[in-house]
Amino acid sequence: MRKYLFIVSFMMLLKPIVPVFQYVINYEYISEVLCINKEKPEMHCNGKCHLMQELAKASEDEKPLSEKKITPF
């Protein structure tokens, strides 16, 4: 039982970091295809704009969990 609890808690801790891993693994694809600022090479964005959107989306997914009210029984 402890093993499963450890695995679940470990996965919960890694969930916000997943977009960063995806950015590192798919760097070339993101910087060439998904980057919003690819028409402006002087910005040297290289897909960081996409990474920021994904991190914001992950943060929004986590937000409702932290804002739940705890009601006493």
N, C-alpha and C. Protein backbone atom coordinates (compact mmCIF):
# COMPACT_ATOMS: atom_id res chain seq x y z
N MET A 1 0.83 -1.19 0.00
CA MET A 1 0.00 0.00 0.00
C MET A 1 0.87 1.25 0.00
N ARG A 2 1.95 1.23 0.77
CA ARG A 2 2.83 2.39 0.82
C ARG A 2 3.50 2.64 -0.53
N LYS A 3 3.78 1.56 -1.24
CA LYS A 3 4.42 1.69 -2.54
C LYS A 3 3.50 2.45 -3.50
N TYR A 4 2.22 2.12 -3.50
CA TYR A 4 1.27 2.80 -4.37
C TYR A 4 1.09 4.26 -3.98
N LEU A 5 1.06 4.52 -2.70
CA LEU A 5 0.95 5.89 -2.22
C LEU A 5 2.17 6.70 -2.64
N PHE A 6 3.34 6.11 -2.55
CA PHE A 6 4.56 6.77 -2.98
C PHE A 6 4.54 7.08 -4.47
N ILE A 7 4.09 6.13 -5.26
CA ILE A 7 4.04 6.31 -6.72
C ILE A 7 3.05 7.43 -7.08
N VAL A 8 1.90 7.43 -6.45
CA VAL A 8 0.89 8.46 -6.73
C VAL A 8 1.39 9.84 -6.32
N SER A 9 1.99 9.94 -5.16
CA SER A 9 2.50 11.24 -4.72
C SER A 9 3.66 11.70 -5.60
N PHE A 10 4.49 10.79 -6.05
CA PHE A 10 5.59 11.13 -6.94
C PHE A 10 5.06 11.65 -8.28
N MET A 11 4.02 11.02 -8.79
CA MET A 11 3.41 11.46 -10.05
C MET A 11 2.78 12.85 -9.89
N MET A 12 2.19 13.12 -8.75
CA MET A 12 1.59 14.43 -8.51
C MET A 12 2.66 15.52 -8.47
N LEU A 13 3.83 15.19 -7.95
CA LEU A 13 4.91 16.16 -7.90
C LEU A 13 5.51 16.42 -9.29
N LEU A 14 5.51 15.41 -10.14
CA LEU A 14 6.08 15.55 -11.47
C LEU A 14 5.13 16.19 -12.48
N LYS A 15 3.86 16.21 -12.20
CA LYS A 15 2.88 16.71 -13.16
C LYS A 15 3.18 18.15 -13.63
N PRO A 16 3.53 19.08 -12.76
CA PRO A 16 3.83 20.44 -13.25
C PRO A 16 5.11 20.53 -14.08
N ILE A 17 5.98 19.55 -13.98
CA ILE A 17 7.26 19.59 -14.68
C ILE A 17 7.17 18.94 -16.06
N VAL A 18 6.11 18.24 -16.34
CA VAL A 18 5.95 17.52 -17.62
C VAL A 18 6.10 18.44 -18.83
N PRO A 19 5.50 19.66 -18.86
CA PRO A 19 5.70 20.51 -20.04
C PRO A 19 7.17 20.86 -20.31
N VAL A 20 7.96 20.98 -19.26
CA VAL A 20 9.38 21.29 -19.45
C VAL A 20 10.08 20.10 -20.10
N PHE A 21 9.79 18.89 -19.64
CA PHE A 21 10.37 17.71 -20.26
C PHE A 21 9.96 17.59 -21.72
N GLN A 22 8.70 17.86 -22.01
CA GLN A 22 8.23 17.79 -23.39
C GLN A 22 8.94 18.83 -24.25
N TYR A 23 9.19 20.02 -23.69
CA TYR A 23 9.90 21.07 -24.43
C TYR A 23 11.33 20.63 -24.74
N VAL A 24 12.01 20.05 -23.77
CA VAL A 24 13.39 19.61 -23.98
C VAL A 24 13.46 18.49 -25.01
N ILE A 25 12.56 17.54 -24.91
CA ILE A 25 12.57 16.40 -25.83
C ILE A 25 12.20 16.82 -27.25
N ASN A 26 11.20 17.68 -27.39
CA ASN A 26 10.69 18.08 -28.71
C ASN A 26 11.12 19.49 -29.08
N TYR A 27 12.32 19.91 -28.68
CA TYR A 27 12.78 21.28 -28.87
C TYR A 27 12.74 21.73 -30.34
N GLU A 28 13.27 20.92 -31.23
CA GLU A 28 13.33 21.32 -32.63
C GLU A 28 11.93 21.48 -33.23
N TYR A 29 11.05 20.53 -32.95
CA TYR A 29 9.68 20.61 -33.48
C TYR A 29 8.95 21.83 -32.93
N ILE A 30 9.08 22.07 -31.65
CA ILE A 30 8.38 23.21 -31.04
C ILE A 30 8.93 24.52 -31.58
N SER A 31 10.24 24.65 -31.68
CA SER A 31 10.82 25.92 -32.13
C SER A 31 10.54 26.19 -33.61
N GLU A 32 10.40 25.14 -34.42
CA GLU A 32 10.16 25.34 -35.85
C GLU A 32 8.69 25.39 -36.22
N VAL A 33 7.84 24.66 -35.50
CA VAL A 33 6.44 24.54 -35.93
C VAL A 33 5.49 25.25 -34.97
N LEU A 34 5.62 25.01 -33.68
CA LEU A 34 4.63 25.51 -32.73
C LEU A 34 4.93 26.91 -32.18
N CYS A 35 6.11 27.42 -32.43
CA CYS A 35 6.48 28.73 -31.89
C CYS A 35 5.59 29.82 -32.48
N ILE A 36 5.09 30.69 -31.63
CA ILE A 36 4.21 31.77 -32.06
C ILE A 36 5.01 32.88 -32.74
N ASN A 37 6.23 33.10 -32.28
CA ASN A 37 7.06 34.21 -32.76
C ASN A 37 8.07 33.79 -33.82
N LYS A 38 7.79 32.77 -34.61
CA LYS A 38 8.76 32.33 -35.60
C LYS A 38 8.92 33.34 -36.74
N GLU A 39 7.96 34.25 -36.92
CA GLU A 39 8.09 35.30 -37.93
C GLU A 39 9.01 36.42 -37.45
N LYS A 40 9.34 36.42 -36.17
CA LYS A 40 10.20 37.46 -35.58
C LYS A 40 11.47 36.81 -35.02
N PRO A 41 12.42 36.44 -35.88
CA PRO A 41 13.61 35.74 -35.39
C PRO A 41 14.48 36.58 -34.48
N GLU A 42 14.34 37.89 -34.52
CA GLU A 42 15.15 38.76 -33.65
C GLU A 42 14.79 38.60 -32.17
N MET A 43 13.63 38.01 -31.89
CA MET A 43 13.21 37.79 -30.50
C MET A 43 13.92 36.59 -29.87
N HIS A 44 14.46 35.69 -30.70
CA HIS A 44 15.16 34.49 -30.22
C HIS A 44 14.29 33.70 -29.24
N CYS A 45 13.04 33.55 -29.58
CA CYS A 45 12.09 32.85 -28.72
C CYS A 45 12.37 31.34 -28.69
N ASN A 46 12.57 30.75 -29.85
CA ASN A 46 12.89 29.32 -29.97
C ASN A 46 11.89 28.42 -29.25
N GLY A 47 10.64 28.78 -29.25
CA GLY A 47 9.61 27.93 -28.67
C GLY A 47 9.32 28.20 -27.20
N LYS A 48 10.00 29.14 -26.59
CA LYS A 48 9.74 29.44 -25.18
C LYS A 48 8.33 29.98 -24.98
N CYS A 49 7.79 30.63 -26.00
CA CYS A 49 6.42 31.13 -25.93
C CYS A 49 5.45 29.96 -25.76
N HIS A 50 5.69 28.89 -26.50
CA HIS A 50 4.84 27.69 -26.39
C HIS A 50 5.00 27.06 -25.02
N LEU A 51 6.23 27.02 -24.52
CA LEU A 51 6.48 26.46 -23.19
C LEU A 51 5.74 27.26 -22.13
N MET A 52 5.76 28.58 -22.22
CA MET A 52 5.05 29.41 -21.24
C MET A 52 3.55 29.17 -21.30
N GLN A 53 3.00 28.97 -22.48
CA GLN A 53 1.57 28.67 -22.60
C GLN A 53 1.24 27.33 -21.94
N GLU A 54 2.08 26.34 -22.17
CA GLU A 54 1.85 25.03 -21.58
C GLU A 54 1.98 25.06 -20.07
N LEU A 55 2.94 25.82 -19.55
CA LEU A 55 3.10 25.94 -18.10
C LEU A 55 1.91 26.68 -17.49
N ALA A 56 1.41 27.69 -18.18
CA ALA A 56 0.23 28.40 -17.70
C ALA A 56 -0.99 27.49 -17.69
N LYS A 57 -1.12 26.67 -18.72
CA LYS A 57 -2.23 25.73 -18.80
C LYS A 57 -2.15 24.70 -17.66
N ALA A 58 -0.94 24.22 -17.39
CA ALA A 58 -0.76 23.26 -16.30
C ALA A 58 -1.06 23.91 -14.95
N SER A 59 -0.70 25.17 -14.83
CA SER A 59 -0.97 25.90 -13.59
C SER A 59 -2.48 26.09 -13.40
N GLU A 60 -3.19 26.38 -14.48
CA GLU A 60 -4.64 26.53 -14.40
C GLU A 60 -5.31 25.21 -14.04
N ASP A 61 -4.76 24.11 -14.53
CA ASP A 61 -5.31 22.80 -14.20
C ASP A 61 -5.15 22.50 -12.71
N GLU A 62 -4.08 22.98 -12.11
CA GLU A 62 -3.82 22.74 -10.70
C GLU A 62 -4.59 23.71 -9.80
N LYS A 63 -4.94 24.86 -10.29
CA LYS A 63 -5.56 25.91 -9.49
C LYS A 63 -6.86 25.48 -8.79
N PRO A 64 -7.80 24.85 -9.48
CA PRO A 64 -9.05 24.47 -8.80
C PRO A 64 -8.81 23.52 -7.62
N LEU A 65 -7.79 22.70 -7.68
CA LEU A 65 -7.51 21.78 -6.58
C LEU A 65 -7.10 22.54 -5.32
N SER A 66 -6.37 23.62 -5.50
CA SER A 66 -5.90 24.36 -4.34
C SER A 66 -6.94 25.33 -3.79
N GLU A 67 -7.95 25.66 -4.59
CA GLU A 67 -8.95 26.62 -4.15
C GLU A 67 -10.20 25.96 -3.56
N LYS A 68 -10.23 24.66 -3.47
CA LYS A 68 -11.39 23.99 -2.89
C LYS A 68 -11.49 24.33 -1.40
N LYS A 69 -12.69 24.57 -0.97
CA LYS A 69 -12.92 24.87 0.44
C LYS A 69 -13.06 23.56 1.21
N ILE A 70 -12.46 23.54 2.35
CA ILE A 70 -12.57 22.38 3.23
C ILE A 70 -13.69 22.67 4.21
N THR A 71 -14.69 21.82 4.19
CA THR A 71 -15.82 22.02 5.10
C THR A 71 -15.74 21.01 6.24
N PRO A 72 -15.87 21.47 7.46
CA PRO A 72 -15.83 20.55 8.59
C PRO A 72 -17.11 19.71 8.65
N PHE A 73 -16.98 18.54 9.19
CA PHE A 73 -18.14 17.63 9.29
C PHE A 73 -18.98 17.95 10.45
